[in-house]
C-alpha atoms as a PDB file:
ATOM      1  CA  MET A   1     -32.476  17.495  -8.142  1.00  0.00           C
ATOM      2  CA  ALA A   2     -34.837  17.411 -11.111  1.00  0.00           C
ATOM      3  CA  LEU A   3     -36.777  20.317  -9.656  1.00  0.00           C
ATOM      4  CA  ALA A   4     -33.581  22.381  -9.360  1.00  0.00           C
ATOM      5  CA  LEU A   5     -32.693  21.677 -12.992  1.00  0.00           C
ATOM      6  CA  PHE A   6     -36.234  22.575 -14.067  1.00  0.00           C
ATOM      7  CA  ALA A   7     -35.998  25.825 -12.089  1.00  0.00           C
ATOM      8  CA  ALA A   8     -32.642  26.633 -13.714  1.00  0.00           C
ATOM      9  CA  ASN A   9     -34.210  26.150 -17.139  1.00  0.00           C
ATOM     10  CA  ILE A  10     -37.125  28.448 -16.213  1.00  0.00           C
ATOM     11  CA  VAL A  11     -34.739  31.106 -14.897  1.00  0.00           C
ATOM     12  CA  ALA A  12     -32.631  30.917 -18.060  1.00  0.00           C
ATOM     13  CA  SER A  13     -35.754  31.264 -20.204  1.00  0.00           C
ATOM     14  CA  LEU A  14     -36.987  34.250 -18.208  1.00  0.00           C
ATOM     15  CA  MET A  15     -33.589  35.927 -18.362  1.00  0.00           C
ATOM     16  CA  SER A  16     -33.401  35.507 -22.122  1.00  0.00           C
ATOM     17  CA  PHE A  17     -36.931  36.948 -22.420  1.00  0.00           C
ATOM     18  CA  ILE A  18     -36.092  39.909 -20.147  1.00  0.00           C
ATOM     19  CA  LEU A  19     -32.903  40.597 -22.089  1.00  0.00           C
ATOM     20  CA  GLY A  20     -34.914  40.556 -25.299  1.00  0.00           C
ATOM     21  CA  LEU A  21     -32.931  37.854 -27.032  1.00  0.00           C
ATOM     22  CA  ASN A  22     -34.201  36.668 -30.385  1.00  0.00           C
ATOM     23  CA  PRO A  23     -35.578  33.108 -30.656  1.00  0.00           C
ATOM     24  CA  LEU A  24     -32.316  31.780 -32.110  1.00  0.00           C
ATOM     25  CA  ALA A  25     -30.321  33.116 -29.153  1.00  0.00           C
ATOM     26  CA  GLN A  26     -32.928  31.757 -26.728  1.00  0.00           C
ATOM     27  CA  GLY A  27     -32.604  28.343 -28.347  1.00  0.00           C
ATOM     28  CA  ALA A  28     -28.816  28.518 -28.168  1.00  0.00           C
ATOM     29  CA  ALA A  29     -28.988  29.407 -24.460  1.00  0.00           C
ATOM     30  CA  SER A  30     -31.390  26.533 -23.808  1.00  0.00           C
ATOM     31  CA  LEU A  31     -29.176  24.140 -25.764  1.00  0.00           C
ATOM     32  CA  GLY A  32     -26.125  25.315 -23.794  1.00  0.00           C
ATOM     33  CA  LEU A  33     -27.905  24.689 -20.498  1.00  0.00           C
ATOM     34  CA  ALA A  34     -29.013  21.218 -21.658  1.00  0.00           C
ATOM     35  CA  MET A  35     -25.459  20.371 -22.747  1.00  0.00           C
ATOM     36  CA  GLY A  36     -24.082  21.567 -19.422  1.00  0.00           C
ATOM     37  CA  VAL A  37     -26.523  19.369 -17.532  1.00  0.00           C
ATOM     38  CA  GLY A  38     -25.652  16.469 -19.819  1.00  0.00           C
ATOM     39  CA  PHE A  39     -21.952  16.845 -19.091  1.00  0.00           C
ATOM     40  CA  ILE A  40     -22.453  16.759 -15.309  1.00  0.00           C
ATOM     41  CA  ALA A  41     -25.420  14.342 -15.090  1.00  0.00           C
ATOM     42  CA  ASN A  42     -23.381  11.264 -14.125  1.00  0.00           C
ATOM     43  CA  ASP A  43     -21.464  13.261 -11.528  1.00  0.00           C
ATOM     44  CA  LEU A  44     -24.768  14.407 -10.024  1.00  0.00           C
ATOM     45  CA  ARG A  45     -26.032  10.813  -9.948  1.00  0.00           C
ATOM     46  CA  ARG A  46     -22.804   9.568  -8.319  1.00  0.00           C
ATOM     47  CA  TRP A  47     -22.948  12.377  -5.748  1.00  0.00           C
ATOM     48  CA  THR A  48     -26.574  11.581  -4.922  1.00  0.00           C
ATOM     49  CA  LEU A  49     -25.853   7.874  -4.501  1.00  0.00           C
ATOM     50  CA  GLU A  50     -22.848   8.635  -2.250  1.00  0.00           C
ATOM     51  CA  ARG A  51     -25.055  10.837  -0.087  1.00  0.00           C
ATOM     52  CA  CYS A  52     -27.461   7.890   0.287  1.00  0.00           C
ATOM     53  CA  GLY A  53     -24.607   5.690   1.549  1.00  0.00           C
ATOM     54  CA  TYR A  54     -23.724   3.766  -1.612  1.00  0.00           C
ATOM     55  CA  VAL A  55     -20.070   2.929  -2.191  1.00  0.00           C
ATOM     56  CA  ILE A  56     -18.474   2.070  -5.525  1.00  0.00           C
ATOM     57  CA  GLU A  57     -16.852  -1.329  -5.059  1.00  0.00           C
ATOM     58  CA  GLY A  58     -16.116  -2.073  -8.697  1.00  0.00           C
ATOM     59  CA  VAL A  59     -17.401  -2.074 -12.234  1.00  0.00           C
ATOM     60  CA  VAL A  60     -18.421  -5.169 -14.173  1.00  0.00           C
ATOM     61  CA  SER A  61     -20.381  -5.986 -17.290  1.00  0.00           C
ATOM     62  CA  GLY A  62     -22.430  -8.939 -18.409  1.00  0.00           C
ATOM     63  CA  LYS A  63     -25.140 -10.023 -20.814  1.00  0.00           C
ATOM     64  CA  ASN A  64     -27.740  -9.228 -18.147  1.00  0.00           C
ATOM     65  CA  CYS A  65     -27.940  -8.080 -14.540  1.00  0.00           C
ATOM     66  CA  ASP A  66     -27.594 -11.600 -13.128  1.00  0.00           C
ATOM     67  CA  ALA A  67     -24.483 -12.324 -15.190  1.00  0.00           C
ATOM     68  CA  ALA A  68     -22.880  -9.047 -14.139  1.00  0.00           C
ATOM     69  CA  GLU A  69     -23.709  -9.721 -10.489  1.00  0.00           C
ATOM     70  CA  ARG A  70     -22.221 -13.200 -10.730  1.00  0.00           C
ATOM     71  CA  ARG A  71     -19.025 -11.819 -12.289  1.00  0.00           C
ATOM     72  CA  PHE A  72     -18.733  -9.206  -9.576  1.00  0.00           C
ATOM     73  CA  LEU A  73     -19.211 -11.693  -6.748  1.00  0.00           C
ATOM     74  CA  ASP A  74     -16.769 -14.142  -8.356  1.00  0.00           C
ATOM     75  CA  ALA A  75     -14.128 -11.401  -8.337  1.00  0.00           C
ATOM     76  CA  ALA A  76     -14.808 -10.451  -4.706  1.00  0.00           C
ATOM     77  CA  PRO A  77     -15.370 -13.606  -2.628  1.00  0.00           C
ATOM     78  CA  GLU A  78     -15.423 -11.659   0.643  1.00  0.00           C
ATOM     79  CA  LEU A  79     -18.385  -9.636  -0.613  1.00  0.00           C
ATOM     80  CA  ALA A  80     -20.059 -12.823  -1.846  1.00  0.00           C
ATOM     81  CA  ALA A  81     -19.840 -14.305   1.653  1.00  0.00           C
ATOM     82  CA  GLU A  82     -21.215 -11.110   3.192  1.00  0.00           C
ATOM     83  CA  PHE A  83     -23.993 -11.013   0.596  1.00  0.00           C
ATOM     84  CA  ALA A  84     -24.914 -14.629   1.349  1.00  0.00           C
ATOM     85  CA  LEU A  85     -25.150 -13.861   5.080  1.00  0.00           C
ATOM     86  CA  GLU A  86     -27.413 -10.848   4.470  1.00  0.00           C
ATOM     87  CA  THR A  87     -29.805 -12.588   2.079  1.00  0.00           C
ATOM     88  CA  GLY A  88     -30.065 -15.783   4.144  1.00  0.00           C
ATOM     89  CA  PRO A  89     -30.461 -19.363   2.987  1.00  0.00           C
END
């Protein structure tokens, strides 16, 4: 995915050079591309994780990763039991 975004940036730079845009317009085009990527970055990450088989079960927060995991498993006891079986004693 990163390579595709890098290639899109190169193509946009080449097109602005071929069209003879001034440096301000080239910067504006580059900024627009960066903003576009920024707006869709989380969607791209979610799509990639879904393709790898991940499923969103819920969203939690905590002071650290362990606290968030504990909160999540407290809210979903059936997943906690499944998790305990997978990790073993």
